[in-house]
Amino acid sequence: MNHKAGVIVPVILAGGMGTRLWPLSREHYPKQLMPVMGGEHSLLQLTVMRLSGLEDTARPIVVCNEEHRFMVAAHLQLDNLRPSAILLEPVGRNTAPAAAVAALEASKDGSDPVLLVMPSDHVIRNTDAFGAAVEAGRRLACEGHIVTFGIKPDRAATGYGYIKMGAALAADNPGVTTGEGAYRIAEFVEKPDHEAAGHYLAARTYLWNSGIFMFKSSVYLEELGRSSAEMLEACTEAYSKARHDLDFLRLDAESFAACPSDSIDYAVMERTSKGAVVPVDVGWSDVGSWSSLREIRDKDGAGNTLIGDVVIEDVRNCYLHSTGRLIAALGIENQVVVETDDAILVAAIDRVQDIKSLVTKLKAENREEVVTHCKVYRPWGHYESVDSGDRFQVKRITVNPGASLSLQLHFHRAEHWVVVKGTARITTGDKVSLLSEDQSTYIPWGTEHRLANPGKIPLELIEIQTGSYLGEDDIKRLDDDYGRS
């Protein structure tokens, strides 16, 4: 599609891990795929839905980790939020390379659209103010500026980077008529300590760094080439060698792995003379910690945010989140308690920014709780671990209507399947059979087999695995609808 001048191509960056929201967020199920604001929509879906009120806006480009590709695609199909492209990063290389490959994709037809680059895991509650800010950013971007949006601070926050406003653009450049409410960038400031954050708040010339940008494709690529030629070269090669895989565009793994890792701030914004910042008040949060999530969720009269099955007495200023089991709390203050099936977090509310270091420690111990939940999502549905022990494992498997697992075999385990809801079409060797509720079958190890749901309702079954090795890597795929090897 050839984009007309000034049209906005949204770029949704969906490659983050969200470790500070552990144990709810995991490597294989990051926060952008979770409905952390309540309701049924994930942060990714809310980000795309936010675009509906903008004028002259094309379908978005989404950049994500290849590990999350099927979940990302499913979330974008749920509400007919289909992107124009989903670019798959073989490895994470931060936001500057992600924006570069998106710029190459957006301008592949020779056009030069304005890109609106947004993280997929932020919350913006005032969509009207956001729309007005984007229109201001569009005008500035069309004049050749690289625009970022600075959030007007309402407290001395230490969890955000800051931007110091310089001269007003209209005063600095009398010939520019679109600079009202926009400023040159005097300085980017790292996350400060509490004393420095207090000075920034009092000075009224510092803004929180939102991580949202607008620029023309050509301007960004030109400035990236000037400041980091090696990065631009690697991104260009990775994009030129990319290959289509179902609904995805896979960047070349070797080329992208050779790309330096850096943010848009460091790679471009701190080195360009074209930077501009627009101060905004849009009800923004990066949902970067349990304390920031508590700030934007409803609270009771004692300042508590209570989610799920929670019973309290004499509790103040706490965030208590249950995904299943009862949390009963008595006489505590300023605490975060988050319960999942396989992990419980207990933390002082003023220490939640340090959860990332706790996750790093767990990862060094090879704890599976860092990587995945008990419920694991697959393109055909999901499975949930129920019980396990020496030489056995029990799972609850749900297969979406019309979906099918790969044709596969296992070398070390046998499987027993019991259908509890729906109809299963089961292939074992050359035999195909249908099983309904309360019926079961046995798959010996080494037998080619396939499970499919031919019905119109989800198929649910219990799988009992037995054998000497029960790891997920004991799968030899012979045929797969989703292109997995």
Foldseek 3Di string as FASTA:
>chain_A
DAADELAEAEEEEEADQLLLPPPVTFNLRHQQLDPLQDDDAGLLLVVLVLCVPAPRYDQYEYEYAPSNVLSSCVNCPPVVSDHPAYEHAPDDQAALLSLLLRLCVVCVVPHWYKYKYAYSQKDFDFSVLVNVVVVLQSLLQSVLFKEFEFEQDPALDQPFKKWFFDAQPCVVPVVDDSRVQKGQTPDIGHRDPSVVSVVQNVVSRMGTGRLIIIHISVSSLVQLCVQPVLQSVLSVQQNVPWDDFVRHTYGDRVSSVSHHHDYCCVRGVVPDRRYMYHYTHRRMDSPSHPLRSLVPHDADPQCEDEEDQEAEDCEHNEYEYEPDDYHYYYNYYQWYWYDDPPDIDIDRNVCSVVSSVVLVVCVVVVPCSNHDGQWRADSQGIKGWDDDDQFKTKIKDKGAAFGKFFFKFFAWKKKKKAWQAAKKWKDWPPDTDIDHHRDMDIGGHPIGMMIGHNDNGITIIMMMMGGNDDDPVRIDGPGGPRPDD
